[in-house]
N, C-alpha and C. Protein backbone atom coordinates (compact mmCIF):
# COMPACT_ATOMS: atom_id res chain seq x y z
N UNK A 1 -6.36 -0.27 -29.04
CA UNK A 1 -7.63 -0.17 -28.37
C UNK A 1 -7.52 0.92 -27.30
N UNK A 2 -8.51 1.79 -27.25
CA UNK A 2 -8.58 2.80 -26.20
C UNK A 2 -9.50 2.30 -25.10
N UNK A 3 -9.06 2.47 -23.86
CA UNK A 3 -9.88 2.10 -22.70
C UNK A 3 -10.03 3.34 -21.83
N UNK A 4 -11.26 3.65 -21.50
CA UNK A 4 -11.55 4.79 -20.64
C UNK A 4 -11.67 4.28 -19.21
N UNK A 5 -11.00 4.97 -18.28
CA UNK A 5 -10.94 4.51 -16.90
C UNK A 5 -11.48 5.56 -15.93
N UNK A 6 -11.98 5.10 -14.82
CA UNK A 6 -12.31 5.94 -13.65
C UNK A 6 -11.49 5.35 -12.52
N UNK A 7 -10.47 6.05 -12.08
CA UNK A 7 -9.50 5.53 -11.13
C UNK A 7 -9.73 6.11 -9.74
N UNK A 8 -9.68 5.22 -8.73
CA UNK A 8 -9.73 5.63 -7.34
C UNK A 8 -8.38 5.30 -6.71
N UNK A 9 -7.54 6.31 -6.48
CA UNK A 9 -6.25 6.06 -5.85
C UNK A 9 -6.41 5.97 -4.33
N UNK A 10 -5.35 5.51 -3.67
CA UNK A 10 -5.32 5.43 -2.20
C UNK A 10 -6.45 4.54 -1.66
N UNK A 11 -6.80 3.50 -2.43
CA UNK A 11 -7.84 2.56 -2.02
C UNK A 11 -7.22 1.48 -1.13
N UNK A 12 -8.04 0.66 -0.55
CA UNK A 12 -7.54 -0.39 0.32
C UNK A 12 -6.89 -1.54 -0.42
N UNK A 13 -7.17 -1.66 -1.71
CA UNK A 13 -6.63 -2.78 -2.50
C UNK A 13 -6.59 -2.40 -3.97
N UNK A 14 -5.87 -3.19 -4.74
CA UNK A 14 -5.84 -3.03 -6.19
C UNK A 14 -6.90 -3.94 -6.78
N UNK A 15 -7.80 -3.38 -7.57
CA UNK A 15 -8.88 -4.19 -8.14
C UNK A 15 -9.52 -3.49 -9.33
N UNK A 16 -10.08 -4.32 -10.21
CA UNK A 16 -10.92 -3.83 -11.30
C UNK A 16 -12.35 -4.05 -10.82
N UNK A 17 -13.11 -2.95 -10.71
CA UNK A 17 -14.46 -3.00 -10.12
C UNK A 17 -15.59 -3.07 -11.12
N UNK A 18 -15.31 -3.26 -12.38
CA UNK A 18 -16.38 -3.38 -13.37
C UNK A 18 -16.54 -2.13 -14.21
N UNK A 19 -17.69 -2.05 -14.85
CA UNK A 19 -17.97 -0.96 -15.79
C UNK A 19 -18.99 0.00 -15.20
N UNK A 20 -18.78 1.27 -15.48
CA UNK A 20 -19.71 2.33 -15.06
C UNK A 20 -20.10 3.10 -16.31
N UNK A 21 -21.36 3.48 -16.40
CA UNK A 21 -21.84 4.28 -17.53
C UNK A 21 -21.93 5.73 -17.08
N UNK A 22 -21.22 6.61 -17.79
CA UNK A 22 -21.23 8.04 -17.47
C UNK A 22 -22.54 8.67 -17.93
N UNK A 23 -22.72 9.92 -17.56
CA UNK A 23 -23.91 10.67 -17.96
C UNK A 23 -24.00 10.82 -19.47
N UNK A 24 -22.84 10.91 -20.14
CA UNK A 24 -22.85 11.02 -21.61
C UNK A 24 -22.92 9.65 -22.28
N UNK A 25 -23.24 8.62 -21.52
CA UNK A 25 -23.43 7.23 -21.97
C UNK A 25 -22.15 6.57 -22.46
N UNK A 26 -21.00 7.07 -22.02
CA UNK A 26 -19.72 6.45 -22.30
C UNK A 26 -19.43 5.41 -21.21
N UNK A 27 -19.00 4.24 -21.61
CA UNK A 27 -18.65 3.20 -20.64
C UNK A 27 -17.21 3.40 -20.18
N UNK A 28 -17.00 3.35 -18.87
CA UNK A 28 -15.66 3.47 -18.30
C UNK A 28 -15.41 2.28 -17.38
N UNK A 29 -14.17 1.85 -17.34
CA UNK A 29 -13.76 0.75 -16.47
C UNK A 29 -13.33 1.35 -15.14
N UNK A 30 -13.92 0.87 -14.05
CA UNK A 30 -13.58 1.38 -12.72
C UNK A 30 -12.42 0.58 -12.16
N UNK A 31 -11.39 1.30 -11.71
CA UNK A 31 -10.18 0.67 -11.16
C UNK A 31 -9.85 1.32 -9.83
N UNK A 32 -9.47 0.49 -8.87
CA UNK A 32 -8.99 0.98 -7.57
C UNK A 32 -7.53 0.56 -7.41
N UNK A 33 -6.70 1.47 -6.94
CA UNK A 33 -5.30 1.15 -6.66
C UNK A 33 -4.94 1.65 -5.27
N UNK A 34 -4.08 0.91 -4.59
CA UNK A 34 -3.66 1.26 -3.24
C UNK A 34 -2.63 2.38 -3.24
N UNK A 35 -1.98 2.62 -4.36
CA UNK A 35 -0.94 3.64 -4.45
C UNK A 35 -1.53 5.04 -4.29
N UNK A 36 -0.72 5.91 -3.73
CA UNK A 36 -1.14 7.31 -3.55
C UNK A 36 -0.90 8.09 -4.84
N UNK A 37 -1.72 9.12 -5.08
CA UNK A 37 -1.54 9.92 -6.31
C UNK A 37 -0.42 10.94 -6.15
N UNK A 38 0.81 10.45 -6.03
CA UNK A 38 1.95 11.31 -5.81
C UNK A 38 3.07 10.93 -6.78
N UNK A 39 3.48 11.87 -7.60
CA UNK A 39 4.59 11.68 -8.54
C UNK A 39 4.41 10.47 -9.45
N UNK A 40 3.17 10.23 -9.89
CA UNK A 40 2.91 9.17 -10.86
C UNK A 40 2.80 7.77 -10.29
N UNK A 41 2.82 7.62 -8.97
CA UNK A 41 2.74 6.29 -8.37
C UNK A 41 1.41 5.61 -8.67
N UNK A 42 0.32 6.34 -8.58
CA UNK A 42 -0.99 5.75 -8.86
C UNK A 42 -1.11 5.39 -10.34
N UNK A 43 -0.60 6.23 -11.23
CA UNK A 43 -0.64 5.93 -12.66
C UNK A 43 0.16 4.67 -12.97
N UNK A 44 1.31 4.52 -12.36
CA UNK A 44 2.13 3.32 -12.56
C UNK A 44 1.40 2.08 -12.06
N UNK A 45 0.71 2.21 -10.94
CA UNK A 45 -0.05 1.09 -10.39
C UNK A 45 -1.22 0.72 -11.30
N UNK A 46 -1.86 1.73 -11.89
CA UNK A 46 -2.97 1.49 -12.82
C UNK A 46 -2.46 0.73 -14.04
N UNK A 47 -1.34 1.15 -14.61
CA UNK A 47 -0.77 0.50 -15.78
C UNK A 47 -0.39 -0.95 -15.45
N UNK A 48 0.22 -1.16 -14.29
CA UNK A 48 0.62 -2.52 -13.89
C UNK A 48 -0.60 -3.42 -13.69
N UNK A 49 -1.62 -2.91 -13.02
CA UNK A 49 -2.83 -3.69 -12.77
C UNK A 49 -3.55 -4.03 -14.07
N UNK A 50 -3.69 -3.06 -14.94
CA UNK A 50 -4.38 -3.27 -16.21
C UNK A 50 -3.60 -4.23 -17.11
N UNK A 51 -2.28 -4.10 -17.13
CA UNK A 51 -1.46 -5.00 -17.94
C UNK A 51 -1.60 -6.44 -17.45
N UNK A 52 -1.58 -6.62 -16.15
CA UNK A 52 -1.72 -7.97 -15.59
C UNK A 52 -3.11 -8.54 -15.90
N UNK A 53 -4.13 -7.72 -15.75
CA UNK A 53 -5.50 -8.17 -15.98
C UNK A 53 -5.74 -8.53 -17.44
N UNK A 54 -5.10 -7.81 -18.36
CA UNK A 54 -5.29 -8.06 -19.79
C UNK A 54 -4.30 -9.08 -20.34
N UNK A 55 -3.28 -9.42 -19.55
CA UNK A 55 -2.29 -10.39 -19.99
C UNK A 55 -1.35 -9.86 -21.05
N UNK A 56 -1.02 -8.58 -20.95
CA UNK A 56 -0.09 -7.95 -21.89
C UNK A 56 1.05 -7.32 -21.10
N UNK A 57 2.20 -7.08 -21.73
CA UNK A 57 3.29 -6.41 -21.01
C UNK A 57 2.94 -4.94 -20.75
N UNK A 58 3.51 -4.39 -19.68
CA UNK A 58 3.26 -2.99 -19.34
C UNK A 58 3.66 -2.04 -20.46
N UNK A 59 4.65 -2.44 -21.26
CA UNK A 59 5.10 -1.58 -22.35
C UNK A 59 4.05 -1.45 -23.46
N UNK A 60 3.03 -2.31 -23.44
CA UNK A 60 1.95 -2.23 -24.44
C UNK A 60 0.92 -1.18 -24.08
N UNK A 61 0.98 -0.66 -22.87
CA UNK A 61 0.00 0.33 -22.41
C UNK A 61 0.65 1.70 -22.29
N UNK A 62 -0.10 2.71 -22.67
CA UNK A 62 0.38 4.09 -22.48
C UNK A 62 -0.80 4.97 -22.11
N UNK A 63 -0.54 5.88 -21.19
CA UNK A 63 -1.55 6.81 -20.71
C UNK A 63 -1.67 7.94 -21.72
N UNK A 64 -2.85 8.08 -22.32
CA UNK A 64 -3.08 9.09 -23.36
C UNK A 64 -3.52 10.41 -22.75
N UNK A 65 -4.44 10.33 -21.78
CA UNK A 65 -4.92 11.56 -21.14
C UNK A 65 -5.32 11.26 -19.70
N UNK A 66 -5.37 12.31 -18.90
CA UNK A 66 -5.80 12.19 -17.52
C UNK A 66 -4.68 11.92 -16.55
N UNK A 67 -3.50 12.45 -16.84
CA UNK A 67 -2.33 12.20 -15.99
C UNK A 67 -2.59 12.54 -14.52
N UNK A 68 -3.29 13.63 -14.26
CA UNK A 68 -3.56 14.04 -12.88
C UNK A 68 -5.04 13.97 -12.52
N UNK A 69 -5.85 13.36 -13.38
CA UNK A 69 -7.29 13.29 -13.14
C UNK A 69 -7.72 11.86 -12.84
N UNK A 70 -8.92 11.73 -12.30
CA UNK A 70 -9.47 10.39 -12.06
C UNK A 70 -9.93 9.73 -13.35
N UNK A 71 -10.39 10.54 -14.29
CA UNK A 71 -10.81 10.03 -15.60
C UNK A 71 -9.57 9.93 -16.47
N UNK A 72 -9.25 8.73 -16.94
CA UNK A 72 -8.05 8.52 -17.73
C UNK A 72 -8.40 7.77 -19.01
N UNK A 73 -7.55 7.92 -20.02
CA UNK A 73 -7.66 7.16 -21.25
C UNK A 73 -6.33 6.46 -21.46
N UNK A 74 -6.40 5.14 -21.68
CA UNK A 74 -5.21 4.32 -21.87
C UNK A 74 -5.27 3.68 -23.25
N UNK A 75 -4.16 3.73 -23.95
CA UNK A 75 -4.03 3.06 -25.24
C UNK A 75 -3.35 1.72 -25.00
N UNK A 76 -3.98 0.65 -25.49
CA UNK A 76 -3.41 -0.69 -25.37
C UNK A 76 -3.08 -1.18 -26.77
N UNK A 77 -1.80 -1.51 -26.99
CA UNK A 77 -1.36 -2.02 -28.29
C UNK A 77 -1.40 -3.54 -28.26
N UNK A 78 -1.91 -4.13 -29.33
CA UNK A 78 -1.96 -5.58 -29.41
C UNK A 78 -3.10 -6.03 -30.29
N UNK A 79 -3.39 -7.32 -30.25
CA UNK A 79 -4.46 -7.91 -31.04
C UNK A 79 -5.81 -7.46 -30.48
N UNK A 80 -6.55 -6.71 -31.26
CA UNK A 80 -7.81 -6.13 -30.81
C UNK A 80 -8.83 -7.15 -30.37
N UNK A 81 -8.96 -8.24 -31.11
CA UNK A 81 -9.95 -9.28 -30.76
C UNK A 81 -9.59 -9.95 -29.44
N UNK A 82 -8.31 -10.27 -29.26
CA UNK A 82 -7.88 -10.91 -28.01
C UNK A 82 -8.03 -9.96 -26.83
N UNK A 83 -7.72 -8.69 -27.04
CA UNK A 83 -7.86 -7.69 -25.97
C UNK A 83 -9.33 -7.51 -25.60
N UNK A 84 -10.21 -7.51 -26.59
CA UNK A 84 -11.64 -7.35 -26.33
C UNK A 84 -12.16 -8.52 -25.52
N UNK A 85 -11.68 -9.73 -25.80
CA UNK A 85 -12.10 -10.89 -25.03
C UNK A 85 -11.59 -10.83 -23.59
N UNK A 86 -10.36 -10.40 -23.41
CA UNK A 86 -9.80 -10.25 -22.06
C UNK A 86 -10.55 -9.18 -21.28
N UNK A 87 -10.87 -8.10 -21.94
CA UNK A 87 -11.60 -7.01 -21.31
C UNK A 87 -13.01 -7.45 -20.92
N UNK A 88 -13.66 -8.21 -21.78
CA UNK A 88 -15.00 -8.73 -21.48
C UNK A 88 -14.95 -9.68 -20.29
N UNK A 89 -13.88 -10.44 -20.17
CA UNK A 89 -13.73 -11.36 -19.04
C UNK A 89 -13.56 -10.61 -17.72
N UNK A 90 -13.00 -9.40 -17.77
CA UNK A 90 -12.81 -8.60 -16.55
C UNK A 90 -14.14 -8.12 -15.97
N UNK A 91 -15.07 -7.82 -16.85
CA UNK A 91 -16.34 -7.26 -16.39
C UNK A 91 -17.38 -8.33 -16.42
């Protein structure tokens, strides 16, 4: 499953803030992390937060695109139906 993210680093807390619809009508999951965007710290925090929220190990997630951008794409390996239910519960 591919998940599109809008990440805010250096936030006051780690949280999943819901879904945002972009201008091109793509749905993105908004995530805030307290980690600073330095040497991959924010990306690691995003992976850890998303893995915990979805109930999967961190090794099941990989960053596909957006290494240095706020817009990121994450690939989640696992049971698609179970992941979709977990994702729906987040929003």
